[in-house]
Amino acid sequence: MAMKWIFILLLLQLSCHVRPGWCGKVLVWPTEYSHWMNMKTILDELVQRGHEVTVLTSSASILVDPNKPSAINFEIYPTSLTKDDFEHIFMQVLSKWIYIPDDTFFSYFSQMQDMLWELYISFRKLCKDVALNKKLMTKLQETRFDVILADPFGPCGELLAEVLKIPLVYSLRFTPGSTIEKHIGGLPFPPSYAPVVLSELSDQMTFMERVKNMIYVLYFDFWFQTFDQNKWDQLYTEVLGRPTTLFELMSKAEMWLIRTYWDFEFPRPFLPHFVFVGGLHCKPAKPLPKEMEEFAQSSGQNGIVVFTLGSMVSNISEERANVIASALAQIPQKVLWRFNGKKPDTLGPNTRLYKWIPQNDLLGHPKTKAFITHGGTNGIYEAIYHGVPMVGIPMFADQPDNIARMQTKGAAVRLDFNTMSSADLLNALKTVINDPSYKENAMRLSRIQHDQPMKPLDRAVFWIEFVMRHKGAKHLRPASHDLTWFQYHSLDVIGFLLACVATAIFVITKCVLFCCQKCANPGKKGKRE
């Protein structure tokens, strides 16, 4: 195995010499779970093209595994956090988030903000451990990287870019309310037809929905904070030795790779340094393991249903599991369910449980009729890629919003995890399987995903290489970054023009009054004489 990777590295080095000027050094600041899975796809492609990729990861990392054979370099830095502690914090936040009551708007998002801040205490510690590690920072400076690829969900990449004086490229799905994309990246979001992320609205809004969307805009702009900005500003100021802010450094990003596309998004304005690369991880299905293939083939004309609630939800309550199993037992399809827990008492003979399933390969299987999903972006894009209709059971974060979009586009039915009954799930499955419109809409989205001039992964890699070749992309940076908020909205110009109009009206009024007084008393001067 070692000889294999040595051979691959030698080939990559050779390719750099064959294509001089194309190969560069990429530093990566990753985050965890699906964020890392998406980024890993880009990194593997960069390596295939001959670039030297170094992932900066902590000793507490959950999914980033430096011990697996790979052509990617891993720079591990020590931290006082343990892997168990870090994972426990993630799972604790997740478990709270799933059960937040969403009956009141302000209560829901207030609790969400508190949980995010709790998680970001750990992120800030990881950032401090790497940024104040002088030996490591010296080593990174001596390596002379050409670009840093980071996910703004876990801040620090922008700080490293500033210290190392290298261009910054972001890879992200969204931030709550799209506040970072809007205020830091400058991306326009007209609230009249561009729904705020997490609002669960579409671009076809009624008057009251536009009122709701505006309330979301105002709330996220002026109240909700994804990060505890003051503490991040203090850390960044301490590291750089000069006053600065988190948002100031984030605004220096050269490119923003957004992990969605127009098969998922609603049309809205965007800027040249925002590139939509949704579905970059999607690929044709590979053959299933023998046992799974035999089970799928045994379904006959009825086909199969694929069911998973994602990698972060490892277990659910017995009561919920039995509700779900009871519904699955009543459909004629065979079901492959990713499940880790006690076997439900109501499990039917048509359902098999697996601790892991090859999700993409199952969704691409010709027997697949429906996909029961929690609504994670990765899973939704694989369903779009293969044209599979969905039953959405969102759990937390952007998942309700994702499913709402698929529902609007006619490719999904949505259920509530905490309140759905067996009958609800059974009816939803019958709807997406038996109503041909859901399959037709899923295939329409699939055709949009496939019909692009450049594959999403190639597009993402191209722009990273572009930033490396040109040492940035300043010519794509909008001038809005250099304006204050009142200049951006032309409030100073509007104020000036209003003042001019008011002055003109005042002067004209005074002149008219003066003339009227003269005309009203024409003989007054003569009488005095």
Protein backbone atom coordinates (compact mmCIF):
# COMPACT_ATOMS: atom_id res chain seq x y z
CA MET A 1 0.00 0.00 0.00
CA ALA A 2 2.84 2.39 0.87
CA MET A 3 4.54 1.73 -2.48
CA LYS A 4 1.26 2.45 -4.25
CA TRP A 5 0.99 5.94 -2.75
CA ILE A 6 4.66 6.68 -3.34
CA PHE A 7 4.11 5.81 -7.01
CA ILE A 8 1.06 8.09 -7.19
CA LEU A 9 2.95 10.98 -5.60
CA LEU A 10 5.82 10.53 -8.07
CA LEU A 11 3.32 10.66 -10.95
CA LEU A 12 1.80 13.85 -9.54
CA GLN A 13 5.20 15.46 -9.22
CA LEU A 14 5.94 14.47 -12.80
CA SER A 15 2.69 16.03 -13.96
CA CYS A 16 3.76 19.31 -12.32
CA HIS A 17 6.94 19.33 -14.36
CA VAL A 18 5.05 18.43 -17.52
CA ARG A 19 2.55 21.25 -16.92
CA PRO A 20 4.71 24.04 -15.39
CA GLY A 21 2.81 26.88 -13.76
CA TRP A 22 -0.34 24.84 -13.21
CA CYS A 23 0.54 23.03 -10.01
CA GLY A 24 0.34 24.87 -6.75
CA LYS A 25 0.26 24.42 -2.99
CA VAL A 26 -3.18 24.46 -1.38
CA LEU A 27 -3.72 24.88 2.35
CA VAL A 28 -7.09 23.69 3.68
CA TRP A 29 -8.99 24.72 6.80
CA PRO A 30 -11.76 22.11 7.05
CA THR A 31 -14.85 21.63 9.19
CA GLU A 32 -16.63 18.41 10.10
CA TYR A 33 -19.31 15.99 8.84
CA SER A 34 -20.98 16.82 5.49
CA HIS A 35 -18.86 19.97 5.16
CA TRP A 36 -15.71 17.86 5.15
CA MET A 37 -17.23 15.30 2.75
CA ASN A 38 -17.92 18.04 0.21
CA MET A 39 -14.51 19.60 0.60
CA LYS A 40 -12.78 16.21 0.36
CA THR A 41 -14.27 15.76 -3.12
CA ILE A 42 -12.62 19.00 -4.25
CA LEU A 43 -9.31 18.09 -2.62
CA ASP A 44 -9.16 14.69 -4.28
CA GLU A 45 -9.67 16.34 -7.66
CA LEU A 46 -6.98 18.95 -6.94
CA VAL A 47 -4.57 16.14 -6.07
CA GLN A 48 -5.48 14.30 -9.28
CA ARG A 49 -4.51 17.45 -11.19
CA GLY A 50 -1.09 17.55 -9.59
CA HIS A 51 -1.55 20.10 -6.82
CA GLU A 52 0.03 19.67 -3.42
CA VAL A 53 -2.78 19.73 -0.86
CA THR A 54 -2.20 20.14 2.88
CA VAL A 55 -5.10 19.83 5.32
CA LEU A 56 -4.60 21.63 8.62
CA THR A 57 -6.47 19.55 11.18
CA SER A 58 -6.52 19.27 14.96
CA SER A 59 -5.84 16.21 17.09
CA ALA A 60 -9.54 16.36 18.06
CA SER A 61 -10.90 16.07 14.51
CA ILE A 62 -13.95 13.82 14.18
CA LEU A 63 -14.02 12.79 10.51
CA VAL A 64 -10.71 14.04 9.10
CA ASP A 65 -8.60 10.91 9.42
CA PRO A 66 -4.88 11.46 8.68
CA ASN A 67 -4.17 7.76 9.21
CA LYS A 68 -5.99 6.64 6.07
CA PRO A 69 -3.70 6.18 3.04
CA SER A 70 -4.03 9.31 0.93
CA ALA A 71 -2.12 11.55 -1.43
CA ILE A 72 -3.31 14.50 0.70
CA ASN A 73 -0.87 15.82 3.31
CA PHE A 74 -2.19 16.30 6.83
CA GLU A 75 -0.67 18.81 9.23
CA ILE A 76 -1.93 17.87 12.69
CA TYR A 77 -1.72 20.47 15.43
CA PRO A 78 -2.26 19.75 19.14
CA THR A 79 -5.28 21.01 21.05
CA SER A 80 -6.52 20.55 24.61
CA LEU A 81 -9.86 19.34 23.21
CA THR A 82 -10.22 15.58 22.83
CA LYS A 83 -11.98 13.93 19.93
CA ASP A 84 -14.62 12.55 22.31
CA ASP A 85 -15.25 15.99 23.82
CA PHE A 86 -15.51 17.64 20.40
CA GLU A 87 -17.90 14.99 19.08
CA HIS A 88 -19.95 15.16 22.29
CA ILE A 89 -20.39 18.92 21.86
CA PHE A 90 -21.56 18.42 18.26
CA MET A 91 -24.01 15.68 19.24
CA GLN A 92 -25.30 17.65 22.22
CA VAL A 93 -26.05 20.67 20.05
CA LEU A 94 -27.63 18.41 17.45
CA SER A 95 -29.90 16.62 19.92
CA LYS A 96 -31.11 19.95 21.33
CA TRP A 97 -31.66 21.42 17.88
CA ILE A 98 -33.87 18.54 16.71
CA TYR A 99 -36.33 19.07 19.55
CA ILE A 100 -36.49 22.88 19.63
CA PRO A 101 -40.20 23.78 19.49
CA ASP A 102 -40.78 25.93 16.42
CA ASP A 103 -44.15 27.31 17.50
CA THR A 104 -42.71 30.77 18.15
CA PHE A 105 -40.32 32.46 15.72
CA PHE A 106 -38.20 34.44 18.18
CA SER A 107 -37.89 31.60 20.71
CA TYR A 108 -36.77 29.13 18.03
CA PHE A 109 -34.03 31.32 16.55
CA SER A 110 -32.94 32.59 19.96
CA GLN A 111 -32.30 29.01 21.08
CA MET A 112 -30.60 28.25 17.74
CA GLN A 113 -28.22 31.18 18.25
CA ASP A 114 -27.39 30.03 21.79
CA MET A 115 -26.56 26.53 20.54
CA LEU A 116 -24.40 27.83 17.71
CA TRP A 117 -22.47 30.04 20.11
CA GLU A 118 -21.96 27.01 22.36
CA LEU A 119 -20.45 25.12 19.42
CA TYR A 120 -18.33 28.08 18.37
CA ILE A 121 -16.58 28.14 21.73
CA SER A 122 -14.88 24.93 20.57
CA PHE A 123 -14.20 26.33 17.10
CA ARG A 124 -12.61 29.43 18.62
CA LYS A 125 -10.39 27.28 20.82
CA LEU A 126 -9.20 25.29 17.81
CA CYS A 127 -8.47 28.52 15.97
CA LYS A 128 -6.53 29.95 18.89
CA ASP A 129 -4.50 26.74 19.25
CA VAL A 130 -3.35 26.91 15.65
CA ALA A 131 -2.93 30.68 15.28
CA LEU A 132 -0.81 31.06 18.44
CA ASN A 133 1.33 28.01 17.65
CA LYS A 134 4.43 29.94 16.53
CA LYS A 135 6.36 26.87 15.41
CA LEU A 136 3.50 25.71 13.20
CA MET A 137 2.84 29.17 11.77
CA THR A 138 6.52 29.55 10.89
CA LYS A 139 6.43 26.20 9.11
CA LEU A 140 3.33 27.23 7.16
CA GLN A 141 4.92 30.54 6.15
CA GLU A 142 8.06 28.76 4.92
CA THR A 143 5.95 26.38 2.80
CA ARG A 144 4.68 29.34 0.73
CA PHE A 145 1.17 28.21 -0.09
CA ASP A 146 -0.59 29.66 -3.12
CA VAL A 147 -4.15 29.64 -1.77
CA ILE A 148 -6.18 28.62 1.25
CA LEU A 149 -9.51 26.81 0.88
CA ALA A 150 -11.80 27.20 3.91
CA ASP A 151 -15.39 26.76 5.04
CA PRO A 152 -16.73 29.88 6.84
CA PHE A 153 -18.95 27.63 8.98
CA GLY A 154 -15.77 27.10 11.02
CA PRO A 155 -13.96 30.48 11.13
CA CYS A 156 -10.16 30.81 11.12
CA GLY A 157 -9.33 30.27 7.45
CA GLU A 158 -9.56 34.02 6.85
CA LEU A 159 -7.18 34.67 9.78
CA LEU A 160 -4.65 32.19 8.40
CA ALA A 161 -4.93 33.79 4.95
CA GLU A 162 -4.15 37.19 6.48
CA VAL A 163 -1.18 35.91 8.49
CA LEU A 164 0.26 33.90 5.59
CA LYS A 165 -0.60 36.62 3.05
CA ILE A 166 -2.26 34.25 0.58
CA PRO A 167 -5.58 34.42 -1.31
CA LEU A 168 -8.68 32.95 0.33
CA VAL A 169 -11.38 30.82 -1.33
CA TYR A 170 -14.54 29.89 0.57
CA SER A 171 -16.62 26.75 0.13
CA LEU A 172 -20.03 26.91 1.82
CA ARG A 173 -23.67 25.89 1.64
CA PHE A 174 -25.26 28.76 3.57
CA THR A 175 -25.19 30.84 6.73
CA PRO A 176 -28.37 31.57 8.76
CA GLY A 177 -30.37 34.20 6.94
CA SER A 178 -27.56 34.37 4.34
CA THR A 179 -26.15 37.22 6.41
CA ILE A 180 -22.51 36.36 5.66
CA GLU A 181 -23.08 35.99 1.92
CA LYS A 182 -25.07 39.23 1.85
CA HIS A 183 -23.17 41.56 4.16
CA ILE A 184 -19.67 40.12 3.83
CA GLY A 185 -19.75 38.75 0.30
CA GLY A 186 -22.00 41.50 -1.09
CA LEU A 187 -24.51 39.07 -2.66
CA PRO A 188 -27.85 40.82 -3.36
CA PHE A 189 -30.98 39.32 -1.79
CA PRO A 190 -34.06 41.33 -2.88
CA PRO A 191 -36.61 40.39 -0.19
CA SER A 192 -39.54 40.88 -2.58
CA TYR A 193 -38.76 37.61 -4.38
CA ALA A 194 -35.58 36.07 -2.89
CA PRO A 195 -36.61 34.00 0.15
CA VAL A 196 -34.30 34.15 3.15
CA VAL A 197 -32.52 30.88 3.92
CA LEU A 198 -34.38 29.11 6.78
CA SER A 199 -37.62 30.95 6.01
CA GLU A 200 -38.99 27.89 4.13
CA LEU A 201 -40.54 30.22 1.54
CA SER A 202 -40.43 30.10 -2.25
CA ASP A 203 -39.87 32.88 -4.77
CA GLN A 204 -43.64 32.98 -5.48
CA MET A 205 -44.77 34.77 -2.32
CA THR A 206 -48.13 36.16 -1.36
CA PHE A 207 -48.31 39.57 0.31
CA MET A 208 -48.28 38.05 3.80
CA GLU A 209 -45.37 35.78 2.85
CA ARG A 210 -43.44 38.83 1.68
CA VAL A 211 -44.19 40.40 5.05
CA LYS A 212 -42.86 37.24 6.72
CA ASN A 213 -39.75 37.30 4.50
CA MET A 214 -39.09 40.94 5.42
CA ILE A 215 -39.38 40.09 9.12
CA TYR A 216 -36.79 37.34 8.58
CA VAL A 217 -34.52 39.82 6.78
CA LEU A 218 -34.74 42.39 9.59
CA TYR A 219 -34.30 39.74 12.28
CA PHE A 220 -31.20 38.18 10.76
CA ASP A 221 -29.70 41.54 9.77
CA PHE A 222 -30.11 43.28 13.10
CA TRP A 223 -30.52 40.63 15.79
CA PHE A 224 -29.36 37.13 14.98
CA GLN A 225 -25.59 36.49 15.04
CA THR A 226 -24.16 33.20 13.81
CA PHE A 227 -20.92 33.98 15.65
CA ASP A 228 -20.19 35.72 18.92
CA GLN A 229 -18.49 38.49 16.96
CA ASN A 230 -16.92 40.36 19.86
CA LYS A 231 -14.94 37.36 21.05
CA TRP A 232 -13.80 36.48 17.54
CA ASP A 233 -12.76 40.11 16.97
CA GLN A 234 -10.73 40.01 20.18
CA LEU A 235 -8.96 36.80 19.09
CA TYR A 236 -8.17 38.12 15.61
CA THR A 237 -6.91 41.42 17.04
CA GLU A 238 -4.69 39.53 19.50
CA VAL A 239 -3.17 37.34 16.79
CA LEU A 240 -2.55 40.14 14.27
CA GLY A 241 -1.45 42.70 16.83
CA ARG A 242 -3.72 45.38 15.36
CA PRO A 243 -7.42 46.23 15.59
CA THR A 244 -9.42 44.10 13.17
CA THR A 245 -12.69 42.17 12.97
CA LEU A 246 -13.83 38.75 11.85
CA PHE A 247 -16.04 40.27 9.15
CA GLU A 248 -13.24 42.51 7.85
CA LEU A 249 -11.06 39.48 7.15
CA MET A 250 -13.93 37.40 5.77
CA SER A 251 -14.74 40.13 3.25
CA LYS A 252 -11.30 39.61 1.67
CA ALA A 253 -12.30 36.21 0.23
CA GLU A 254 -11.47 36.11 -3.48
CA MET A 255 -14.05 33.47 -4.47
CA TRP A 256 -17.16 31.97 -2.88
CA LEU A 257 -17.99 28.42 -4.02
CA ILE A 258 -21.68 27.94 -3.15
CA ARG A 259 -22.68 24.28 -2.89
CA THR A 260 -26.07 24.71 -4.61
CA TYR A 261 -27.22 25.26 -8.19
CA TRP A 262 -30.27 26.52 -10.08
CA ASP A 263 -31.93 23.11 -9.92
CA PHE A 264 -32.19 23.77 -6.18
CA GLU A 265 -32.03 27.55 -5.84
CA PHE A 266 -34.65 30.09 -6.85
CA PRO A 267 -33.37 32.62 -9.45
CA ARG A 268 -31.88 35.76 -7.96
CA PRO A 269 -29.01 38.19 -8.67
CA PHE A 270 -25.49 36.99 -8.05
CA LEU A 271 -21.96 38.39 -8.38
CA PRO A 272 -19.03 37.19 -10.52
CA HIS A 273 -17.01 36.01 -7.51
CA PHE A 274 -19.89 33.74 -6.41
CA VAL A 275 -19.84 30.41 -8.24
CA PHE A 276 -22.59 27.81 -7.80
CA VAL A 277 -21.19 24.28 -7.67
CA GLY A 278 -24.08 22.25 -6.23
CA GLY A 279 -23.84 18.52 -6.87
CA LEU A 280 -20.06 18.51 -7.23
CA HIS A 281 -19.89 15.23 -5.28
CA CYS A 282 -22.48 13.43 -7.44
CA LYS A 283 -21.36 10.63 -9.73
CA PRO A 284 -22.80 7.65 -11.63
CA ALA A 285 -23.90 4.71 -9.49
CA LYS A 286 -21.54 1.77 -8.99
CA PRO A 287 -22.70 -1.87 -8.63
CA LEU A 288 -24.20 -2.72 -5.24
CA PRO A 289 -22.73 -5.31 -2.86
CA LYS A 290 -23.98 -8.77 -3.80
CA GLU A 291 -26.41 -9.12 -0.88
CA MET A 292 -27.96 -5.69 -1.51
CA GLU A 293 -28.27 -6.34 -5.23
CA GLU A 294 -30.06 -9.62 -4.62
CA PHE A 295 -32.43 -7.94 -2.17
CA ALA A 296 -33.14 -5.12 -4.67
CA GLN A 297 -33.78 -7.58 -7.50
CA SER A 298 -36.16 -9.58 -5.30
CA SER A 299 -38.50 -6.55 -5.24
CA GLY A 300 -39.69 -7.29 -8.77
CA GLN A 301 -41.78 -4.57 -10.42
CA ASN A 302 -42.49 -2.84 -7.10
CA GLY A 303 -38.90 -1.66 -6.69
CA ILE A 304 -37.11 -0.41 -3.58
CA VAL A 305 -37.21 2.54 -1.18
CA VAL A 306 -33.99 4.00 0.26
CA PHE A 307 -34.19 5.44 3.78
CA THR A 308 -31.56 7.33 5.77
CA LEU A 309 -31.57 10.21 8.24
CA GLY A 310 -27.92 11.02 7.63
CA SER A 311 -24.61 10.36 9.35
CA MET A 312 -25.20 12.74 12.27
CA VAL A 313 -28.44 11.07 13.43
CA SER A 314 -27.17 7.70 14.64
CA ASN A 315 -30.19 6.71 16.70
CA ILE A 316 -33.86 7.60 17.24
CA SER A 317 -36.31 6.77 20.00
CA GLU A 318 -38.00 3.36 20.02
CA GLU A 319 -41.41 5.00 19.68
CA ARG A 320 -40.41 6.89 16.52
CA ALA A 321 -38.64 3.83 15.10
CA ASN A 322 -41.77 1.71 15.54
CA VAL A 323 -43.97 4.35 13.92
CA ILE A 324 -41.67 4.41 10.90
CA ALA A 325 -41.24 0.62 10.70
CA SER A 326 -45.00 0.10 10.85
CA ALA A 327 -45.52 2.33 7.82
CA LEU A 328 -42.70 0.72 5.85
CA ALA A 329 -44.16 -2.75 6.51
CA GLN A 330 -47.35 -1.76 4.65
CA ILE A 331 -45.83 -0.85 1.27
CA PRO A 332 -45.18 -3.40 -1.50
CA GLN A 333 -41.65 -2.09 -2.10
CA LYS A 334 -38.54 -3.51 -0.43
CA VAL A 335 -36.86 -1.01 1.93
CA LEU A 336 -33.18 -0.51 2.73
CA TRP A 337 -33.00 1.50 5.95
CA ARG A 338 -29.81 2.92 7.41
CA PHE A 339 -30.46 2.42 11.11
CA ASN A 340 -28.31 2.01 14.20
CA GLY A 341 -30.28 0.96 17.25
CA LYS A 342 -32.63 -1.61 18.67
CA LYS A 343 -34.58 -3.47 15.99
CA PRO A 344 -38.15 -2.04 15.90
CA ASP A 345 -40.88 -4.46 17.01
CA THR A 346 -43.05 -3.46 14.04
CA LEU A 347 -40.36 -4.09 11.42
CA GLY A 348 -41.81 -5.87 8.38
CA PRO A 349 -40.18 -8.63 6.30
CA ASN A 350 -39.83 -6.19 3.39
CA THR A 351 -37.40 -3.97 5.36
CA ARG A 352 -33.71 -4.57 6.04
CA LEU A 353 -31.60 -2.56 8.46
CA TYR A 354 -28.02 -1.51 7.71
CA LYS A 355 -25.53 0.50 9.76
CA TRP A 356 -24.21 1.90 6.48
CA ILE A 357 -25.57 2.01 2.95
CA PRO A 358 -23.97 3.12 -0.37
CA GLN A 359 -26.47 5.95 -0.71
CA ASN A 360 -25.42 7.26 -4.12
CA ASP A 361 -25.29 3.77 -5.64
CA LEU A 362 -28.72 2.91 -4.26
CA LEU A 363 -30.28 6.15 -5.52
CA GLY A 364 -28.83 5.44 -8.94
CA HIS A 365 -30.20 1.88 -9.01
CA PRO A 366 -32.97 1.33 -11.62
CA LYS A 367 -35.21 -0.32 -8.98
CA THR A 368 -35.28 2.74 -6.70
CA LYS A 369 -38.74 4.33 -6.50
CA ALA A 370 -38.39 6.82 -3.61
CA PHE A 371 -35.93 8.26 -1.14
CA ILE A 372 -36.88 8.95 2.50
CA THR A 373 -34.43 11.63 3.62
CA HIS A 374 -33.74 14.08 6.42
CA GLY A 375 -33.06 16.72 3.79
CA GLY A 376 -29.29 17.13 3.96
CA THR A 377 -27.93 18.94 0.90
CA ASN A 378 -25.65 16.06 -0.11
CA GLY A 379 -28.47 13.51 -0.12
CA ILE A 380 -30.88 15.84 -1.90
CA TYR A 381 -28.35 16.48 -4.64
CA GLU A 382 -27.75 12.77 -5.13
CA ALA A 383 -31.52 12.30 -5.43
CA ILE A 384 -31.69 15.16 -7.96
CA TYR A 385 -28.75 13.74 -9.90
CA HIS A 386 -30.48 10.36 -10.24
CA GLY A 387 -34.03 11.74 -10.58
CA VAL A 388 -35.54 10.13 -7.46
CA PRO A 389 -38.63 11.67 -5.76
CA MET A 390 -38.39 12.24 -2.01
CA VAL A 391 -40.26 12.01 1.25
CA GLY A 392 -38.62 14.61 3.47
CA ILE A 393 -38.41 14.26 7.25
CA PRO A 394 -36.24 17.29 8.17
CA MET A 395 -34.49 17.30 11.53
CA PHE A 396 -32.52 20.54 12.02
CA ALA A 397 -30.44 23.36 10.45
CA ASP A 398 -31.14 23.92 6.73
CA GLN A 399 -32.99 20.62 6.28
CA PRO A 400 -36.56 22.04 6.64
CA ASP A 401 -35.68 24.77 4.14
CA ASN A 402 -34.15 22.22 1.71
CA ILE A 403 -37.23 20.01 1.80
CA ALA A 404 -39.49 23.06 1.41
CA ARG A 405 -37.65 23.90 -1.82
CA MET A 406 -38.02 20.37 -3.15
CA GLN A 407 -41.69 20.46 -2.19
CA THR A 408 -42.16 23.74 -4.08
CA LYS A 409 -40.50 22.20 -7.14
CA GLY A 410 -42.88 19.23 -6.94
CA ALA A 411 -40.27 16.56 -6.19
CA ALA A 412 -40.98 15.88 -2.51
CA VAL A 413 -43.59 15.49 0.23
CA ARG A 414 -42.73 16.82 3.67
CA LEU A 415 -43.49 15.28 7.08
CA ASP A 416 -42.73 16.34 10.65
CA PHE A 417 -40.45 13.89 12.46
CA ASN A 418 -41.89 14.54 15.93
CA THR A 419 -45.60 14.42 15.04
CA MET A 420 -46.00 12.17 11.99
CA SER A 421 -48.01 8.95 12.32
CA SER A 422 -47.57 5.66 10.47
CA ALA A 423 -50.52 6.64 8.28
CA ASP A 424 -48.84 9.96 7.40
CA LEU A 425 -45.64 8.24 6.28
CA LEU A 426 -47.56 5.55 4.41
CA ASN A 427 -49.66 8.12 2.53
CA ALA A 428 -46.58 10.20 1.70
CA LEU A 429 -44.79 7.17 0.25
CA LYS A 430 -47.83 6.17 -1.79
CA THR A 431 -48.06 9.72 -3.12
CA VAL A 432 -44.47 10.08 -4.36
CA ILE A 433 -44.38 6.53 -5.76
CA ASN A 434 -47.81 6.36 -7.42
CA ASP A 435 -48.31 9.98 -8.53
CA PRO A 436 -46.22 10.26 -11.74
CA SER A 437 -45.81 14.04 -11.37
CA TYR A 438 -43.25 13.58 -8.57
CA LYS A 439 -41.04 11.35 -10.70
CA GLU A 440 -41.44 13.69 -13.67
CA ASN A 441 -40.43 16.72 -11.59
CA ALA A 442 -37.45 14.85 -10.11
CA MET A 443 -36.32 13.91 -13.62
CA ARG A 444 -36.74 17.52 -14.77
CA LEU A 445 -34.41 18.68 -11.99
CA SER A 446 -32.02 15.86 -12.91
CA ARG A 447 -31.87 17.03 -16.53
CA ILE A 448 -31.07 20.57 -15.34
CA GLN A 449 -28.29 19.23 -13.11
CA HIS A 450 -26.74 17.23 -15.95
CA ASP A 451 -27.16 19.89 -18.65
CA GLN A 452 -24.30 22.24 -17.77
CA PRO A 453 -21.41 23.47 -19.92
CA MET A 454 -18.98 22.36 -17.20
CA LYS A 455 -19.34 19.80 -14.43
CA PRO A 456 -19.73 21.39 -10.97
CA LEU A 457 -16.53 19.79 -9.68
CA ASP A 458 -14.55 21.02 -12.70
CA ARG A 459 -16.01 24.49 -12.14
CA ALA A 460 -14.96 24.52 -8.48
CA VAL A 461 -11.42 23.36 -9.28
CA PHE A 462 -11.12 25.80 -12.19
CA TRP A 463 -11.80 28.81 -9.96
CA ILE A 464 -9.41 27.62 -7.27
CA GLU A 465 -6.73 27.24 -9.94
CA PHE A 466 -7.73 30.64 -11.35
CA VAL A 467 -7.10 32.29 -7.98
CA MET A 468 -3.73 30.52 -7.74
CA ARG A 469 -2.66 31.54 -11.25
CA HIS A 470 -3.62 35.18 -10.80
CA LYS A 471 -2.80 35.41 -7.08
CA GLY A 472 -6.35 36.47 -6.38
CA ALA A 473 -9.40 37.69 -8.27
CA LYS A 474 -9.56 41.38 -7.37
CA HIS A 475 -11.10 42.26 -10.75
CA LEU A 476 -14.23 40.30 -9.74
CA ARG A 477 -14.57 42.02 -6.37
CA PRO A 478 -17.56 44.42 -6.30
CA ALA A 479 -17.02 48.00 -5.15
CA SER A 480 -19.73 47.45 -2.52
CA HIS A 481 -17.02 46.03 -0.24
CA ASP A 482 -15.58 49.54 0.05
CA LEU A 483 -18.90 51.20 0.93
CA THR A 484 -20.60 51.62 4.27
CA TRP A 485 -24.13 50.26 4.63
CA PHE A 486 -25.73 53.67 4.15
CA GLN A 487 -23.57 54.34 1.07
CA TYR A 488 -24.48 50.91 -0.35
CA HIS A 489 -28.18 51.72 -0.07
CA SER A 490 -27.52 55.30 -1.35
CA LEU A 491 -29.02 56.74 1.81
CA ASP A 492 -26.46 59.59 1.77
CA VAL A 493 -27.38 60.43 -1.83
CA ILE A 494 -31.09 60.20 -1.07
CA GLY A 495 -30.58 62.41 1.99
CA PHE A 496 -28.65 64.96 -0.09
CA LEU A 497 -31.28 65.02 -2.81
CA LEU A 498 -34.08 65.36 -0.25
CA ALA A 499 -32.18 68.24 1.36
CA CYS A 500 -31.82 69.89 -2.06
CA VAL A 501 -35.51 69.46 -2.78
CA ALA A 502 -36.43 70.75 0.69
CA THR A 503 -34.13 73.77 0.23
CA ALA A 504 -35.60 74.51 -3.20
CA ILE A 505 -39.15 74.21 -1.86
CA PHE A 506 -38.23 76.47 1.07
CA VAL A 507 -36.69 79.13 -1.19
CA ILE A 508 -39.56 78.99 -3.68
CA THR A 509 -42.11 79.18 -0.86
CA LYS A 510 -40.38 82.20 0.63
CA CYS A 511 -40.24 83.92 -2.75
CA VAL A 512 -43.90 83.21 -3.44
CA LEU A 513 -44.91 84.48 0.02
CA PHE A 514 -42.82 87.62 -0.48
CA CYS A 515 -44.41 88.28 -3.86
CA CYS A 516 -47.88 87.65 -2.47
CA GLN A 517 -47.29 90.12 0.33
CA LYS A 518 -46.15 92.75 -2.19
CA CYS A 519 -49.15 92.14 -4.40
CA ALA A 520 -51.56 92.20 -1.46
CA ASN A 521 -50.33 95.66 -0.27
CA PRO A 522 -49.49 97.64 -3.48
CA GLY A 523 -50.47 101.10 -2.10
CA LYS A 524 -48.93 100.85 1.35
CA LYS A 525 -45.72 102.62 0.38
CA GLY A 526 -47.65 105.40 -1.45
CA LYS A 527 -49.83 106.16 1.57
CA ARG A 528 -46.78 106.61 3.77
CA GLU A 529 -45.38 109.06 1.25
